[in-house]
Structure formats: structure tokens, C-alpha cells
């Protein structure tokens, strides 16, 4: 019904509905968007503000618009090198894939 809708996420409230509805849902890293002006222990460490949208480009544009700290935020992420919307479709360069061959805490075996 709309191209972009507000959402906040502490345990999947953006990502899960987006995945069920064919939308883009991004949970920004803590400190990327402000939790202000209402800041409490739960919102400052669990909940982040974001959106659900129809495209990655729309989500990137919203993230450009809403990212940044609010006075009193307990954490804030550094500013991006360039706007997120410019990252859409950009060549990521050489990528690496990490594979665990052992369990670092030894709680269970890794299936071959």
C-alpha cells in the first residue's frame, strides 16, 4: 500500500515480516539510528529504528535520512564514507567467505 513503512526491531520485528511479505527489511547496527528522544535501557541496547520497503534502494535512502545520533544516545556509529543509496549496485570488490572447520567453544561438532 505504501512504498516505505516505519519499523523498529529488537528481535526480528522488521526482518521477519519483511521476509514473509517479499519486502526489504534491514535492522541497522546499534547506534546507526537514534533511539531518542525516549531512551531507556531496553531501547538503547536492543531496539533500533528502521523501515520496511519494496526495494534495497528505498531502504538505503531511508537509512541515509534517519541515520545519525540524537543528544543523549548511549552509542552512535561512525558516519558512512558515502551515502548508502550510492552503495546500491556498487562493485563490492573482492569478497571472502569464512568457513568454520571446528567449533571454537567445543560445545558440539561441526557437521562435515
Protein backbone atom coordinates (compact mmCIF):
# COMPACT_ATOMS: atom_id res chain seq x y z
CA UNK A 1 0.00 0.00 0.00
CA UNK A 2 2.93 2.35 0.66
CA UNK A 3 6.50 2.32 -0.66
CA UNK A 4 8.11 2.62 2.80
CA UNK A 5 6.84 1.98 6.32
CA UNK A 6 8.44 2.68 9.69
CA UNK A 7 9.55 -0.25 11.78
CA UNK A 8 11.68 -0.96 14.79
CA UNK A 9 13.48 -4.16 15.60
CA UNK A 10 14.64 -5.76 18.80
CA UNK A 11 14.07 -9.42 18.00
CA UNK A 12 13.01 -9.59 14.37
CA UNK A 13 10.14 -7.10 14.09
CA UNK A 14 11.48 -5.66 10.82
CA UNK A 15 13.23 -8.68 9.35
CA UNK A 16 10.63 -11.40 9.91
CA UNK A 17 7.59 -9.57 8.47
CA UNK A 18 9.70 -8.39 5.53
CA UNK A 19 10.81 -11.93 4.73
CA UNK A 20 7.22 -13.18 4.87
CA UNK A 21 5.87 -10.45 2.59
CA UNK A 22 8.55 -10.11 -0.09
CA UNK A 23 9.79 -6.80 1.29
CA UNK A 24 13.22 -5.48 2.24
CA UNK A 25 13.84 -5.34 5.97
CA UNK A 26 17.10 -4.10 7.46
CA UNK A 27 17.95 -3.97 11.15
CA UNK A 28 20.56 -1.21 11.31
CA UNK A 29 23.51 -1.70 13.61
CA UNK A 30 23.11 -0.28 17.11
CA UNK A 31 23.92 3.41 17.07
CA UNK A 32 23.31 3.86 13.33
CA UNK A 33 19.85 5.35 14.02
CA UNK A 34 18.81 7.16 17.16
CA UNK A 35 16.55 5.74 19.84
CA UNK A 36 15.86 9.27 21.09
CA UNK A 37 14.17 11.21 22.38
CA UNK A 38 12.82 8.37 24.56
CA UNK A 39 15.89 6.47 25.75
CA UNK A 40 15.76 3.66 28.28
CA UNK A 41 17.82 0.53 28.96
CA UNK A 42 15.85 -1.70 26.58
CA UNK A 43 15.70 0.72 23.68
CA UNK A 44 19.35 1.70 23.97
CA UNK A 45 20.68 -1.85 23.67
CA UNK A 46 18.02 -3.93 21.89
CA UNK A 47 15.75 -1.83 19.75
CA UNK A 48 16.77 0.01 16.59
CA UNK A 49 14.68 2.16 14.29
CA UNK A 50 14.42 1.33 10.61
CA UNK A 51 11.92 0.62 7.86
CA UNK A 52 10.32 -1.95 5.62
CA UNK A 53 10.34 -1.11 1.93
CA UNK A 54 9.82 -2.51 -1.55
CA UNK A 55 13.47 -2.17 -2.64
CA UNK A 56 17.03 -2.04 -1.37
CA UNK A 57 17.36 1.43 -2.91
CA UNK A 58 14.36 2.70 -0.91
CA UNK A 59 15.76 1.21 2.31
CA UNK A 60 19.15 2.81 1.61
CA UNK A 61 17.51 6.21 1.03
CA UNK A 62 15.59 5.94 4.31
CA UNK A 63 18.74 4.91 6.17
CA UNK A 64 20.50 7.98 4.74
CA UNK A 65 17.65 10.15 6.01
CA UNK A 66 17.35 8.69 9.53
CA UNK A 67 20.91 7.81 10.48
CA UNK A 68 22.81 9.90 12.94
CA UNK A 69 22.94 10.44 16.68
CA UNK A 70 20.45 12.23 18.92
CA UNK A 71 21.70 14.10 22.01
CA UNK A 72 21.92 11.61 24.85
CA UNK A 73 22.21 8.46 22.73
CA UNK A 74 24.43 5.98 24.60
CA UNK A 75 26.04 4.78 21.36
CA UNK A 76 26.42 6.06 17.84
CA UNK A 77 28.00 4.54 14.76
CA UNK A 78 30.51 6.47 12.68
CA UNK A 79 29.18 8.21 9.58
CA UNK A 80 29.41 6.20 6.36
CA UNK A 81 32.10 7.06 3.81
CA UNK A 82 29.41 7.85 1.24
CA UNK A 83 25.59 7.79 1.21
CA UNK A 84 24.05 4.31 1.43
CA UNK A 85 22.00 4.93 -1.69
CA UNK A 86 25.29 5.24 -3.62
CA UNK A 87 26.27 1.77 -2.39
CA UNK A 88 23.31 0.16 -4.17
CA UNK A 89 24.69 -1.63 -7.22
CA UNK A 90 28.29 -0.62 -6.47
CA UNK A 91 31.03 -3.16 -7.09
CA UNK A 92 31.82 -4.69 -3.68
CA UNK A 93 35.34 -5.60 -4.75
CA UNK A 94 36.88 -8.92 -3.86
CA UNK A 95 34.84 -10.79 -1.25
CA UNK A 96 35.90 -13.53 1.15
CA UNK A 97 33.81 -16.34 2.58
CA UNK A 98 34.60 -17.61 6.05
CA UNK A 99 34.08 -21.29 6.91
CA UNK A 100 34.40 -22.75 10.40
CA UNK A 101 36.04 -26.16 10.39
CA UNK A 102 35.85 -26.57 14.18
CA UNK A 103 33.64 -25.35 16.99
CA UNK A 104 35.63 -22.65 18.81
CA UNK A 105 33.82 -23.27 22.11
CA UNK A 106 33.79 -27.06 21.72
CA UNK A 107 30.08 -27.44 22.58
CA UNK A 108 29.25 -29.54 19.50
CA UNK A 109 30.92 -31.00 16.46
CA UNK A 110 30.74 -29.28 13.08
CA UNK A 111 28.92 -31.45 10.55
CA UNK A 112 31.28 -32.34 7.69
